[in-house]
Structures are given as C-alpha cells and as structure tokens.
Protein backbone atom coordinates (compact mmCIF):
# COMPACT_ATOMS: atom_id res chain seq x y z
CA UNK A 1 -34.38 -89.79 -27.87
CA UNK A 2 -31.99 -93.09 -27.78
CA UNK A 3 -32.28 -95.32 -30.85
CA UNK A 4 -34.21 -98.52 -29.87
CA UNK A 5 -32.48 -101.85 -31.29
CA UNK A 6 -34.17 -104.57 -33.18
CA UNK A 7 -33.25 -106.66 -30.02
CA UNK A 8 -35.92 -104.66 -28.02
CA UNK A 9 -38.85 -105.51 -30.69
CA UNK A 10 -37.97 -109.10 -31.29
CA UNK A 11 -37.58 -110.05 -27.36
CA UNK A 12 -40.71 -108.21 -26.68
CA UNK A 13 -42.71 -110.27 -29.36
CA UNK A 14 -41.03 -113.55 -27.90
CA UNK A 15 -42.08 -112.51 -24.29
CA UNK A 16 -45.68 -111.58 -25.53
CA UNK A 17 -46.12 -114.75 -27.10
CA UNK A 18 -45.04 -116.68 -23.88
CA UNK A 19 -47.33 -114.48 -22.03
CA UNK A 20 -50.38 -115.22 -24.33
CA UNK A 21 -49.39 -119.21 -23.96
CA UNK A 22 -49.29 -118.94 -20.24
CA UNK A 23 -52.85 -117.05 -19.96
CA UNK A 24 -54.81 -119.06 -22.45
CA UNK A 25 -53.06 -122.45 -22.33
CA UNK A 26 -51.57 -122.74 -18.99
CA UNK A 27 -51.62 -126.51 -18.46
CA UNK A 28 -50.01 -127.03 -22.09
CA UNK A 29 -47.56 -124.55 -21.18
CA UNK A 30 -46.39 -126.18 -18.06
CA UNK A 31 -46.42 -129.45 -19.84
CA UNK A 32 -44.11 -127.77 -22.60
CA UNK A 33 -42.02 -126.17 -20.21
CA UNK A 34 -41.47 -129.42 -18.12
CA UNK A 35 -40.72 -131.78 -21.14
CA UNK A 36 -38.34 -129.30 -22.44
CA UNK A 37 -36.64 -129.15 -18.97
CA UNK A 38 -36.45 -132.70 -18.66
CA UNK A 39 -34.77 -133.09 -22.09
CA UNK A 40 -32.24 -130.51 -21.38
CA UNK A 41 -31.32 -131.74 -17.99
CA UNK A 42 -31.08 -135.30 -19.00
CA UNK A 43 -29.40 -134.91 -22.15
CA UNK A 44 -27.11 -132.25 -21.69
CA UNK A 45 -26.33 -132.32 -17.89
CA UNK A 46 -23.01 -133.53 -18.53
CA UNK A 47 -22.27 -130.39 -20.78
CA UNK A 48 -23.72 -128.10 -17.94
CA UNK A 49 -21.13 -129.53 -15.62
CA UNK A 50 -18.16 -129.40 -18.06
CA UNK A 51 -18.47 -126.03 -19.45
CA UNK A 52 -19.10 -124.49 -15.93
CA UNK A 53 -16.06 -126.18 -14.61
CA UNK A 54 -13.98 -124.86 -17.85
CA UNK A 55 -14.89 -121.34 -16.81
CA UNK A 56 -13.73 -121.70 -13.33
CA UNK A 57 -10.27 -123.18 -15.06
CA UNK A 58 -10.17 -120.55 -17.27
CA UNK A 59 -10.49 -117.84 -14.78
CA UNK A 60 -7.79 -119.55 -12.70
CA UNK A 61 -5.46 -119.64 -15.67
CA UNK A 62 -5.64 -115.94 -16.20
CA UNK A 63 -5.04 -115.34 -12.68
CA UNK A 64 -1.61 -117.13 -12.77
CA UNK A 65 -0.77 -116.09 -16.20
CA UNK A 66 1.22 -112.94 -17.22
CA UNK A 67 -2.26 -112.02 -18.81
CA UNK A 68 -3.32 -111.15 -15.39
CA UNK A 69 -1.31 -107.79 -15.44
CA UNK A 70 -3.42 -106.33 -18.41
CA UNK A 71 -5.73 -103.71 -17.01
CA UNK A 72 -9.53 -103.38 -17.60
CA UNK A 73 -9.00 -99.92 -19.00
CA UNK A 74 -6.27 -97.73 -20.43
CA UNK A 75 -2.54 -98.81 -19.33
CA UNK A 76 -2.36 -95.97 -16.88
CA UNK A 77 -5.95 -96.14 -15.88
CA UNK A 78 -6.50 -96.02 -12.08
CA UNK A 79 -9.53 -97.98 -10.36
CA UNK A 80 -12.64 -95.84 -10.18
CA UNK A 81 -13.44 -97.31 -6.70
CA UNK A 82 -11.42 -97.66 -3.42
CA UNK A 83 -10.60 -101.89 -2.84
CA UNK A 84 -12.86 -101.02 0.11
CA UNK A 85 -15.76 -100.11 -1.80
CA UNK A 86 -15.16 -102.32 -4.45
CA UNK A 87 -15.40 -105.12 -2.03
CA UNK A 88 -18.57 -103.78 -0.64
CA UNK A 89 -20.08 -103.70 -4.25
CA UNK A 90 -19.07 -107.18 -4.96
CA UNK A 91 -20.89 -108.04 -1.45
CA UNK A 92 -24.03 -106.30 -2.61
CA UNK A 93 -23.83 -108.18 -5.92
CA UNK A 94 -23.30 -111.43 -3.98
CA UNK A 95 -26.26 -110.80 -1.67
CA UNK A 96 -30.19 -110.88 -3.06
CA UNK A 97 -33.35 -112.78 -2.94
CA UNK A 98 -31.60 -116.08 -3.47
CA UNK A 99 -29.72 -116.13 -0.37
CA UNK A 100 -32.50 -115.24 1.64
CA UNK A 101 -34.91 -117.74 -0.28
CA UNK A 102 -32.69 -120.78 -0.06
CA UNK A 103 -30.89 -119.85 3.36
CA UNK A 104 -32.50 -122.14 5.36
CA UNK A 105 -34.24 -124.02 2.63
CA UNK A 106 -31.61 -125.72 0.80
CA UNK A 107 -29.28 -127.02 3.69
CA UNK A 108 -32.41 -128.10 5.53
CA UNK A 109 -33.84 -130.20 2.34
CA UNK A 110 -30.47 -131.81 1.80
CA UNK A 111 -30.19 -132.90 5.41
CA UNK A 112 -33.90 -133.91 6.18
CA UNK A 113 -35.90 -134.16 2.91
CA UNK A 114 -33.69 -135.19 -0.22
CA UNK A 115 -30.18 -135.70 0.67
CA UNK A 116 -27.61 -136.31 -2.14
CA UNK A 117 -26.00 -139.29 -0.95
CA UNK A 118 -26.41 -140.12 2.81
CA UNK A 119 -29.37 -141.09 4.67
CA UNK A 120 -31.73 -138.51 5.85
CA UNK A 121 -31.30 -137.23 9.41
CA UNK A 122 -27.79 -138.89 9.47
CA UNK A 123 -24.34 -137.17 10.60
CA UNK A 124 -23.08 -137.51 7.18
CA UNK A 125 -26.14 -135.92 5.92
CA UNK A 126 -25.23 -132.66 7.95
CA UNK A 127 -21.83 -132.65 6.25
CA UNK A 128 -23.20 -133.32 2.96
CA UNK A 129 -26.05 -130.70 3.15
CA UNK A 130 -23.69 -128.02 3.93
CA UNK A 131 -21.01 -129.26 1.45
CA UNK A 132 -23.32 -129.23 -1.51
CA UNK A 133 -24.71 -125.90 -0.55
CA UNK A 134 -21.55 -124.51 -0.56
CA UNK A 135 -20.61 -126.07 -3.89
CA UNK A 136 -23.70 -124.41 -5.47
CA UNK A 137 -22.98 -121.08 -4.26
CA UNK A 138 -19.13 -121.15 -4.31
CA UNK A 139 -16.83 -120.75 -6.78
CA UNK A 140 -18.48 -122.38 -9.97
CA UNK A 141 -21.34 -119.60 -9.58
CA UNK A 142 -18.89 -116.53 -9.46
CA UNK A 143 -16.77 -118.38 -12.01
CA UNK A 144 -19.87 -117.94 -14.23
CA UNK A 145 -20.39 -114.14 -13.38
CA UNK A 146 -16.72 -113.39 -13.68
CA UNK A 147 -16.53 -114.96 -17.15
CA UNK A 148 -19.33 -112.58 -18.68
CA UNK A 149 -18.31 -109.52 -16.45
CA UNK A 150 -14.56 -109.50 -17.31
CA UNK A 151 -15.46 -110.30 -20.87
CA UNK A 152 -17.83 -107.22 -21.30
CA UNK A 153 -15.19 -104.97 -18.91
CA UNK A 154 -12.08 -105.91 -21.28
CA UNK A 155 -14.09 -105.16 -24.63
CA UNK A 156 -15.86 -102.11 -23.19
CA UNK A 157 -12.94 -100.29 -21.24
CA UNK A 158 -9.77 -101.79 -22.76
CA UNK A 159 -11.10 -102.01 -26.56
CA UNK A 160 -14.02 -99.27 -26.56
CA UNK A 161 -16.81 -101.63 -27.80
CA UNK A 162 -20.50 -101.24 -26.93
CA UNK A 163 -21.35 -102.82 -23.72
CA UNK A 164 -23.24 -105.73 -25.48
CA UNK A 165 -22.80 -109.27 -25.61
CA UNK A 166 -22.54 -109.63 -29.01
CA UNK A 167 -19.57 -106.89 -29.20
CA UNK A 168 -17.71 -109.21 -26.58
CA UNK A 169 -17.77 -111.76 -29.57
CA UNK A 170 -16.21 -109.62 -32.41
CA UNK A 171 -12.89 -111.36 -32.28
CA UNK A 172 -14.34 -114.39 -33.76
CA UNK A 173 -17.59 -113.32 -35.60
CA UNK A 174 -15.91 -109.98 -37.11
CA UNK A 175 -18.26 -107.48 -38.90
CA UNK A 176 -21.17 -110.37 -38.12
CA UNK A 177 -21.25 -109.47 -34.46
CA UNK A 178 -23.01 -106.08 -35.77
CA UNK A 179 -25.55 -107.71 -38.22
CA UNK A 180 -28.17 -110.45 -37.53
CA UNK A 181 -26.17 -112.92 -35.96
CA UNK A 182 -25.09 -110.09 -33.31
CA UNK A 183 -28.92 -109.42 -33.19
CA UNK A 184 -29.72 -113.10 -32.50
CA UNK A 185 -27.11 -113.23 -29.66
CA UNK A 186 -28.36 -109.95 -27.84
CA UNK A 187 -31.89 -111.30 -27.92
CA UNK A 188 -30.70 -114.42 -26.30
CA UNK A 189 -28.80 -112.85 -23.76
CA UNK A 190 -31.74 -110.18 -23.10
CA UNK A 191 -34.48 -113.02 -22.94
CA UNK A 192 -32.04 -115.33 -20.45
CA UNK A 193 -31.84 -112.47 -18.11
CA UNK A 194 -35.34 -111.35 -18.23
CA UNK A 195 -36.28 -114.95 -17.19
CA UNK A 196 -33.51 -115.06 -14.74
CA UNK A 197 -34.66 -111.82 -13.06
CA UNK A 198 -38.35 -112.56 -13.28
CA UNK A 199 -37.44 -116.16 -11.65
CA UNK A 200 -36.02 -114.41 -8.86
CA UNK A 201 -38.77 -112.16 -8.48
CA UNK A 202 -41.13 -115.06 -8.21
CA UNK A 203 -39.26 -116.48 -5.32
CA UNK A 204 -39.22 -113.15 -3.63
CA UNK A 205 -43.03 -113.01 -3.74
CA UNK A 206 -43.58 -116.24 -2.51
CA UNK A 207 -41.53 -115.66 0.58
CA UNK A 208 -42.89 -112.29 1.34
CA UNK A 209 -46.30 -113.99 1.16
CA UNK A 210 -45.08 -116.73 3.31
CA UNK A 211 -43.64 -114.26 5.95
CA UNK A 212 -47.09 -112.30 5.97
CA UNK A 213 -48.81 -115.45 6.51
CA UNK A 214 -46.65 -116.48 9.47
CA UNK A 215 -46.60 -112.84 10.99
CA UNK A 216 -50.18 -111.69 10.22
CA UNK A 217 -51.94 -114.70 8.98
CA UNK A 218 -52.55 -113.49 5.49
CA UNK A 219 -53.35 -116.17 3.09
CA UNK A 220 -50.65 -117.95 1.27
CA UNK A 221 -51.74 -118.33 -2.12
CA UNK A 222 -51.60 -117.26 -5.81
CA UNK A 223 -53.67 -114.24 -5.25
CA UNK A 224 -51.75 -112.63 -2.56
CA UNK A 225 -48.52 -113.37 -4.63
CA UNK A 226 -49.50 -111.56 -7.51
CA UNK A 227 -50.91 -108.84 -5.54
CA UNK A 228 -47.10 -108.51 -3.87
CA UNK A 229 -45.83 -108.29 -7.36
CA UNK A 230 -48.04 -105.72 -8.63
CA UNK A 231 -47.22 -103.39 -5.49
CA UNK A 232 -43.54 -103.73 -5.77
CA UNK A 233 -43.62 -103.44 -9.47
CA UNK A 234 -45.20 -100.18 -9.00
CA UNK A 235 -42.54 -99.06 -6.57
CA UNK A 236 -39.55 -99.84 -8.66
CA UNK A 237 -41.35 -98.54 -11.84
CA UNK A 238 -41.70 -95.20 -10.06
CA UNK A 239 -38.11 -95.62 -9.03
CA UNK A 240 -36.94 -96.43 -12.61
CA UNK A 241 -38.85 -93.52 -14.20
CA UNK A 242 -37.69 -90.85 -11.87
CA UNK A 243 -34.10 -91.94 -12.25
CA UNK A 244 -33.90 -91.81 -8.51
CA UNK A 245 -30.14 -93.11 -8.24
CA UNK A 246 -29.49 -91.60 -4.87
CA UNK A 247 -32.92 -93.38 -3.67
CA UNK A 248 -31.43 -96.61 -5.02
CA UNK A 249 -28.11 -95.84 -3.44
CA UNK A 250 -29.71 -95.58 -0.18
CA UNK A 251 -32.05 -98.50 -0.74
CA UNK A 252 -28.98 -100.56 -1.53
CA UNK A 253 -26.95 -99.36 1.80
CA UNK A 254 -30.26 -100.41 3.75
CA UNK A 255 -30.16 -103.81 2.19
CA UNK A 256 -26.50 -104.12 3.82
CA UNK A 257 -27.78 -102.81 7.03
CA UNK A 258 -30.71 -105.28 7.24
CA UNK A 259 -28.82 -108.32 5.80
CA UNK A 260 -25.92 -107.74 8.18
CA UNK A 261 -28.09 -107.29 11.32
CA UNK A 262 -29.91 -110.23 10.40
CA UNK A 263 -26.96 -112.20 10.24
CA UNK A 264 -25.44 -111.11 13.52
CA UNK A 265 -28.53 -111.69 15.41
CA UNK A 266 -29.11 -115.03 14.17
CA UNK A 267 -25.65 -115.76 14.94
CA UNK A 268 -25.56 -114.84 18.54
CA UNK A 269 -29.20 -116.35 19.27
CA UNK A 270 -28.72 -119.35 17.39
CA UNK A 271 -26.25 -122.30 17.98
CA UNK A 272 -23.13 -120.15 17.52
CA UNK A 273 -20.39 -122.90 18.48
CA UNK A 274 -22.10 -125.33 16.12
CA UNK A 275 -22.40 -122.79 13.15
CA UNK A 276 -18.74 -121.84 13.47
CA UNK A 277 -17.45 -125.64 13.65
CA UNK A 278 -19.51 -126.70 10.80
CA UNK A 279 -18.35 -123.52 8.93
CA UNK A 280 -14.60 -124.41 9.40
CA UNK A 281 -15.51 -128.10 8.52
CA UNK A 282 -17.13 -127.58 5.50
CA UNK A 283 -14.77 -125.13 4.28
CA UNK A 284 -12.38 -127.85 4.25
CA UNK A 285 -14.54 -130.57 2.69
CA UNK A 286 -15.25 -127.93 -0.03
CA UNK A 287 -11.47 -127.68 -0.81
CA UNK A 288 -10.91 -131.23 -0.74
CA UNK A 289 -14.03 -132.30 -2.87
CA UNK A 290 -14.39 -129.63 -5.65
CA UNK A 291 -13.09 -131.63 -8.25
CA UNK A 292 -15.05 -134.80 -7.50
CA UNK A 293 -18.24 -132.58 -7.22
CA UNK A 294 -17.36 -130.43 -10.16
CA UNK A 295 -18.06 -133.77 -12.58
CA UNK A 296 -20.59 -135.67 -10.65
CA UNK A 297 -23.28 -136.77 -12.88
CA UNK A 298 -24.31 -140.16 -11.12
CA UNK A 299 -24.85 -142.18 -14.39
CA UNK A 300 -25.35 -145.50 -12.76
CA UNK A 301 -28.08 -144.11 -10.22
CA UNK A 302 -31.03 -142.57 -11.45
CA UNK A 303 -32.24 -141.46 -7.80
CA UNK A 304 -28.92 -139.30 -7.48
CA UNK A 305 -28.86 -138.06 -11.25
CA UNK A 306 -32.56 -136.82 -10.79
CA UNK A 307 -31.49 -134.95 -7.40
CA UNK A 308 -28.20 -133.60 -9.69
CA UNK A 309 -30.75 -132.48 -12.17
CA UNK A 310 -32.94 -130.74 -9.89
CA UNK A 311 -30.30 -128.96 -7.87
CA UNK A 312 -26.90 -128.55 -9.41
CA UNK A 313 -28.18 -128.34 -13.01
CA UNK A 314 -30.67 -126.03 -11.92
CA UNK A 315 -28.07 -123.69 -10.51
CA UNK A 316 -25.81 -123.72 -12.95
CA UNK A 317 -28.66 -122.57 -15.39
CA UNK A 318 -29.72 -120.14 -12.91
CA UNK A 319 -26.24 -118.39 -12.93
CA UNK A 320 -26.07 -118.30 -16.28
CA UNK A 321 -29.20 -116.74 -17.03
CA UNK A 322 -28.50 -113.95 -14.47
CA UNK A 323 -24.92 -113.55 -15.78
CA UNK A 324 -25.50 -110.97 -18.24
CA UNK A 325 -27.29 -109.00 -15.60
CA UNK A 326 -24.72 -109.28 -12.68
CA UNK A 327 -21.96 -109.29 -15.21
CA UNK A 328 -22.65 -105.86 -16.52
CA UNK A 329 -22.75 -104.57 -12.72
CA UNK A 330 -19.60 -106.33 -11.67
CA UNK A 331 -18.22 -105.11 -15.05
CA UNK A 332 -19.25 -101.29 -14.41
CA UNK A 333 -17.75 -100.89 -11.01
CA UNK A 334 -14.49 -102.94 -11.89
CA UNK A 335 -12.86 -100.34 -14.45
CA UNK A 336 -9.13 -99.82 -13.97
CA UNK A 337 -8.51 -103.00 -12.12
CA UNK A 338 -6.05 -105.69 -13.42
CA UNK A 339 -7.54 -108.99 -14.69
CA UNK A 340 -5.59 -110.74 -11.64
CA UNK A 341 -7.09 -108.57 -8.96
CA UNK A 342 -10.35 -108.51 -10.70
CA UNK A 343 -10.59 -112.15 -10.97
CA UNK A 344 -9.46 -112.94 -7.54
CA UNK A 345 -11.82 -110.35 -5.74
CA UNK A 346 -14.78 -111.79 -7.78
CA UNK A 347 -13.98 -115.56 -7.10
CA UNK A 348 -13.23 -115.16 -3.39
CA UNK A 349 -15.16 -112.41 -1.80
CA UNK A 350 -18.76 -113.20 -2.81
CA UNK A 351 -18.53 -117.22 -2.30
CA UNK A 352 -16.86 -116.35 1.30
CA UNK A 353 -20.26 -114.33 2.27
CA UNK A 354 -22.48 -116.89 0.95
CA UNK A 355 -20.61 -119.47 2.94
CA UNK A 356 -20.95 -117.32 5.95
CA UNK A 357 -24.48 -116.58 5.46
CA UNK A 358 -25.60 -120.44 4.88
CA UNK A 359 -23.62 -121.27 7.74
CA UNK A 360 -25.66 -119.26 10.10
CA UNK A 361 -29.21 -119.76 8.59
CA UNK A 362 -28.96 -123.46 7.28
CA UNK A 363 -26.86 -124.58 10.61
CA UNK A 364 -29.53 -123.19 12.74
CA UNK A 365 -32.28 -124.98 10.93
CA UNK A 366 -30.60 -128.07 10.88
CA UNK A 367 -30.06 -127.78 14.73
CA UNK A 368 -33.64 -127.04 15.13
CA UNK A 369 -34.81 -130.26 13.12
CA UNK A 370 -32.26 -132.33 14.88
CA UNK A 371 -33.43 -131.60 18.29
CA UNK A 372 -37.02 -132.26 17.44
CA UNK A 373 -38.59 -128.96 18.66
CA UNK A 374 -40.15 -128.43 15.06
CA UNK A 375 -40.65 -130.58 12.30
CA UNK A 376 -39.37 -127.97 9.53
CA UNK A 377 -39.90 -130.10 6.57
CA UNK A 378 -43.70 -129.76 7.03
CA UNK A 379 -43.28 -125.99 5.93
CA UNK A 380 -43.31 -124.81 2.20
CA UNK A 381 -39.77 -123.65 0.89
CA UNK A 382 -40.96 -120.13 1.07
CA UNK A 383 -42.25 -120.37 4.62
CA UNK A 384 -38.91 -122.28 6.29
CA UNK A 385 -37.06 -119.04 7.18
CA UNK A 386 -40.02 -118.00 9.19
CA UNK A 387 -40.56 -121.13 10.85
CA UNK A 388 -36.93 -121.23 11.96
CA UNK A 389 -37.40 -117.65 13.25
CA UNK A 390 -40.66 -118.78 15.31
CA UNK A 391 -38.50 -120.93 17.39
CA UNK A 392 -35.92 -118.18 18.19
CA UNK A 393 -36.25 -115.12 20.69
CA UNK A 394 -37.33 -111.95 19.38
CA UNK A 395 -38.86 -113.84 16.25
CA UNK A 396 -41.18 -111.12 15.36
CA UNK A 397 -38.46 -108.85 14.94
CA UNK A 398 -36.32 -111.19 12.98
CA UNK A 399 -39.23 -112.06 10.78
CA UNK A 400 -40.13 -108.36 10.12
CA UNK A 401 -36.60 -107.52 9.18
CA UNK A 402 -36.46 -110.34 6.68
CA UNK A 403 -39.77 -109.41 4.93
CA UNK A 404 -38.37 -105.92 4.53
CA UNK A 405 -35.14 -107.09 3.49
CA UNK A 406 -36.66 -109.50 0.69
CA UNK A 407 -38.61 -106.27 -0.17
CA UNK A 408 -35.76 -103.95 -0.72
CA UNK A 409 -33.84 -106.65 -2.65
CA UNK A 410 -37.06 -107.15 -4.65
CA UNK A 411 -37.01 -103.34 -5.48
CA UNK A 412 -33.24 -102.61 -5.97
CA UNK A 413 -33.07 -105.92 -8.20
CA UNK A 414 -35.89 -105.37 -10.61
CA UNK A 415 -35.01 -101.57 -10.78
CA UNK A 416 -31.21 -102.53 -11.87
CA UNK A 417 -32.64 -105.07 -14.16
CA UNK A 418 -34.81 -102.62 -16.02
CA UNK A 419 -31.56 -100.43 -16.56
CA UNK A 420 -29.51 -103.42 -17.63
CA UNK A 421 -32.18 -104.60 -20.37
CA UNK A 422 -32.63 -101.01 -21.55
CA UNK A 423 -29.27 -100.59 -21.87
CA UNK A 424 -29.03 -104.17 -23.86
CA UNK A 425 -31.82 -103.07 -26.08
CA UNK A 426 -30.51 -99.53 -27.10
CA UNK A 427 -27.37 -100.45 -28.61
CA UNK A 428 -25.49 -100.21 -25.10
CA UNK A 429 -26.55 -96.78 -24.01
CA UNK A 430 -25.94 -95.76 -20.54
CA UNK A 431 -29.42 -93.71 -20.45
CA UNK A 432 -32.08 -95.89 -21.81
CA UNK A 433 -35.28 -93.98 -22.28
CA UNK A 434 -37.79 -94.58 -19.46
CA UNK A 435 -40.27 -96.07 -21.86
CA UNK A 436 -37.92 -98.75 -22.51
CA UNK A 437 -37.07 -99.47 -18.84
CA UNK A 438 -40.92 -99.16 -17.93
CA UNK A 439 -41.55 -101.82 -20.49
CA UNK A 440 -39.10 -104.33 -19.36
CA UNK A 441 -40.26 -103.61 -15.77
CA UNK A 442 -43.43 -104.77 -16.62
CA UNK A 443 -42.28 -107.52 -18.74
CA UNK A 444 -40.40 -109.05 -15.87
CA UNK A 445 -43.00 -108.95 -13.80
CA UNK A 446 -45.66 -110.33 -16.13
CA UNK A 447 -43.46 -113.11 -16.86
CA UNK A 448 -42.98 -113.98 -13.10
CA UNK A 449 -46.96 -113.96 -12.65
CA UNK A 450 -47.39 -116.03 -15.72
CA UNK A 451 -44.70 -118.76 -14.49
CA UNK A 452 -46.06 -118.94 -10.89
CA UNK A 453 -49.75 -119.30 -12.36
CA UNK A 454 -48.68 -122.00 -14.81
CA UNK A 455 -46.19 -123.97 -12.77
CA UNK A 456 -45.48 -122.37 -9.23
CA UNK A 457 -41.84 -122.88 -7.91
CA UNK A 458 -41.04 -125.60 -10.34
CA UNK A 459 -42.41 -123.27 -13.29
CA UNK A 460 -39.86 -120.86 -12.31
CA UNK A 461 -36.88 -123.40 -12.34
CA UNK A 462 -38.21 -125.01 -15.54
CA UNK A 463 -38.10 -121.58 -17.44
CA UNK A 464 -34.58 -120.82 -16.19
CA UNK A 465 -33.15 -124.34 -17.28
CA UNK A 466 -34.62 -123.74 -20.72
CA UNK A 467 -33.68 -119.96 -21.40
CA UNK A 468 -30.27 -120.78 -20.01
CA UNK A 469 -29.34 -123.44 -22.47
CA UNK A 470 -28.74 -121.46 -25.71
CA UNK A 471 -27.11 -118.62 -23.50
CA UNK A 472 -24.48 -121.09 -22.24
CA UNK A 473 -23.34 -121.68 -25.76
CA UNK A 474 -22.71 -118.07 -26.21
CA UNK A 475 -21.04 -117.99 -23.03
CA UNK A 476 -18.49 -120.51 -24.58
CA UNK A 477 -18.07 -118.63 -27.55
CA UNK A 478 -17.23 -115.55 -25.19
CA UNK A 479 -14.39 -117.66 -23.57
CA UNK A 480 -12.88 -118.50 -26.73
CA UNK A 481 -13.16 -114.68 -28.17
CA UNK A 482 -11.75 -113.24 -24.87
CA UNK A 483 -8.80 -115.76 -25.05
CA UNK A 484 -8.06 -114.91 -28.44
CA UNK A 485 -7.71 -111.35 -27.84
CA UNK A 486 -6.08 -111.50 -24.69
CA UNK A 487 -3.37 -113.66 -26.16
CA UNK A 488 -2.91 -111.39 -29.02
CA UNK A 489 -2.55 -108.45 -26.66
CA UNK A 490 -0.08 -110.60 -24.55
CA UNK A 491 2.11 -110.99 -27.77
CA UNK A 492 1.80 -107.19 -28.31
CA UNK A 493 3.04 -106.44 -24.83
CA UNK A 494 5.45 -108.78 -24.49
CA UNK A 495 4.08 -110.59 -21.64
CA UNK A 496 5.90 -113.36 -20.29
CA UNK A 497 6.76 -115.34 -17.45
CA UNK A 498 10.22 -115.15 -17.95
CA UNK A 499 11.59 -112.49 -20.23
CA UNK A 500 12.76 -113.73 -23.37
CA UNK A 501 16.51 -113.41 -23.74
CA UNK A 502 17.92 -110.76 -26.37
CA UNK A 503 19.68 -112.26 -29.02
CA UNK A 504 23.49 -110.99 -28.83
CA UNK A 505 24.53 -109.24 -32.18
CA UNK A 506 27.22 -111.04 -34.03
CA UNK A 507 30.34 -109.11 -34.16
CA UNK A 508 31.36 -107.53 -37.46
CA UNK A 509 34.41 -109.67 -39.32
CA UNK A 510 37.12 -107.37 -40.44
C-alpha cells in the first residue's frame, strides 16, 4: 500500500473544521469568508495584478531566451505525444465547466448589467464586454497555469524530483523542502486545489439545475443542487474507484465532440457575421490594450475598483487555485518537449479556444439583448445560457446537449481532481490508493455543498480568493526557484544567444 503523507491528514483536518463551521455556524462562516475576501481584494488587489503579469513576462522571457531550447526530460528524449494529440489535450484542459458557465453570462453582464467603464447598453459597452472577457480568459490565465506546469515538468522529468509543489522549490529551500516547511507548502497547494475544484463543481451543479429548470420545470433551489452534486459524486467515485481509465478517455472524447457540436450549431444559427466581426475586432483590441489592462486597479474610482475586485481579482485567484490541478495535467502530457515549444503551445492554443467560445456564445447573448426580443438580465447567472438557447431554433436540442456537456465535464474534472489530490498526498505517487481518492472525492463535493449552503455563488467566489492568496506566494517562489535552476543549467550547457568567442592561445616565445 502506498504511504500516505502528513499532507493528507493535515489538509483533511482543515477541511473537517471548515465543514463543521459551515454546518453549525453558516451565518458566521459566510460573514467570516466575506470579510476575509474583502480584506484581500481591497488590500492586495495591486499584488495580484503585478504578480500575474510578472508570470506572463517570465514565460515570454523564457520563450525568447536560449533557455527555451532546454528539453523537459533527458536531452535526447522525444515527446510522448504527437503535436496534434498534444494540442488536443491542451484544448481539453482549456475547456471546462467555467467556459460553459460564463460563456454567455460574463459578456452579457459586462454589456448590460455592470459594465467595467462604458454606459450599459452602449456600443462601447459591447466592445468592452468582449475585451475584458478575452482579458480574463486569455494569456494571463494560461501564464499562471504555464508557470506551475513548467516548474513541475522541469523538476520531475529533467531533475528527477517527486511531482510535488514543494519539490519544485528545492533550489531555494534545499533540504527544508522535504521537511516541515515542505509539508506546509504542499498543504497550502492541496487546500487551494480542493477549494478551486469544489468551486467549479458548485458552478456546475447550479447550471445543471438551471438547465433542468428550463427544460423540465424542475425547481431551481439548493436542495436540487445538493441532489445533483450527490448523484454526480457517486458517478465519478465509481469511476475513480474502478480505475476506469478507458471510460474517462471515452468521456473526455465525448466532451470534445459535444463542445464542438454546441459551438458549431450556435455559430451557424446565431448572428454569424456579427460573431466573426466581433471576434476579429476584439483580438486587435486585446493586443493593443493588454498592458493597460494588466495593471488597471482604478485607485480613484470606487465603483470601478469594486468591479475589478469582483471580476479580475476573482479570476486571477480562480486560476491560481486551479493551477496545481491543471499544471500537473499539462506537465504530464508535455514530457519531451522543449521549454520554448511548451510555452508557445500553452500560452496560445487554449486562449484562442476560449476567445472563439466567448465570441460565439457571448456575442449571441448580446445580440439578443440588443434586439429586445428577451431581457436576459432578468435571469440568474446559471440560467443565462439556457435563456439564450430558448430564443434560437432547435432550442431543446441545444439545451439538452449543454446539460449533458456540463455533466460530463463535472464527472471528468472531479475524477481527475481525485487523482491529482491523491498524488499530492502520497508523496507524488502515480497510483494513489483508492481510499485516498475516495476521501478527496467526498471532501471536494462536501465543500461545494457547504459553500453553496452558506453563501451561494458569492460564497464560492469568496472561498477561492481566500485559498489562492497563500498559494500565490508559493507561485512567486516557484518562479524564483525555476529561474535559479534554469540559469545554472544554461551556464552548464553553454547556452548563449551568440556563442562566446574562443580565446586564441598565445604563441610560444622562442
């Protein structure tokens, strides 16, 4: 039996305390998380913006540096997967419940409910809506994932370290990375991952409920959402316990087929020309404004600052809390690639998929809102997608496909998360015991239920921002450790932009 680390027991104890607080003191628990969330966003919003931008700059530096030729594996090791398969898996990592949940809701909110700058409903608000959505789901998000994935892949496949967050800090912590400090680091990483995945499961449950309410008139309430989480938990635990890797593979392929089908159908029956024009225009605006947006904190405007806290800071925290989970997946499938190829693929491919997705679903929602056919702002966030489908041809088919897609994403994400959490709490084992996976599966679903019970969607957001804050410090240390190790290897390999000229030996004097 694989040895269970102290990280498992410590994190499980924290989760147990969190669950008890949520059950017996829900009001106080919600107040506590809200106060902590407000403290972090108001006090450290500038910090989130700066470090995430630094992560992106660091990744760009490695792409253009001679360091980019270093391979994530042995010097002569070839990639495990073809470039086509690798891109497909990056696409899979880039797709998830979040895209489906916010696909229509975020652009619509920025346009008609709470625009970042312009007047609601204006032409400028349409442009801003798509621009800020691209910003939130673009290079910055994947810069966060890329840093963690690259660090894990480099130290695991190049240096032979365990696949743990603490092991990636060994260049600056030394032996301390294997002691109590290393345990603390892994506890923070596991807890952040747990809350990040639980939050996403909460989003998924509310949206499945919204879809079932639209399709079959099932009540949209907390009880039904709890029931959905319970049913899906049983399904993904059966999969995790059985080790049905083929089943998950088939389910992942089904995810892609369903997502692409939903995308193509909506593009064809929606305002196609408007979608393509907005996609093209927003790409240009994104490239033009990315530096300004990266540091926008609105210190002199309380309303704008509140908007940034609720959207941009929330997203940066969400990506950071998910980064150990997504990072381990990306690292696992990227063995054998050079750092340059790895970073170009990770920073470009998934954001492009996200941009296309939001252009189709977001622009369709905005177009419906502008025409006055329906007021989509009257619907809850989780119901917006189905309200849009309700105005399109073959609406029932689209809604059913969407519900199934969310359900399959729910199962595959949760199943994968149990493996990652199990691996992180059994000293990096690639075959964690079923009992460990089962425990984490129940834990993440329980946290999702508690967060929904105590604060709804806002409670989910609060928990994300709080859990991501300590992990953000670890990410900064990971960047420093990775840079230190890469610079050392650069010197050892003699990697320079221009080869250093060899010194001409002095002639012997007779």
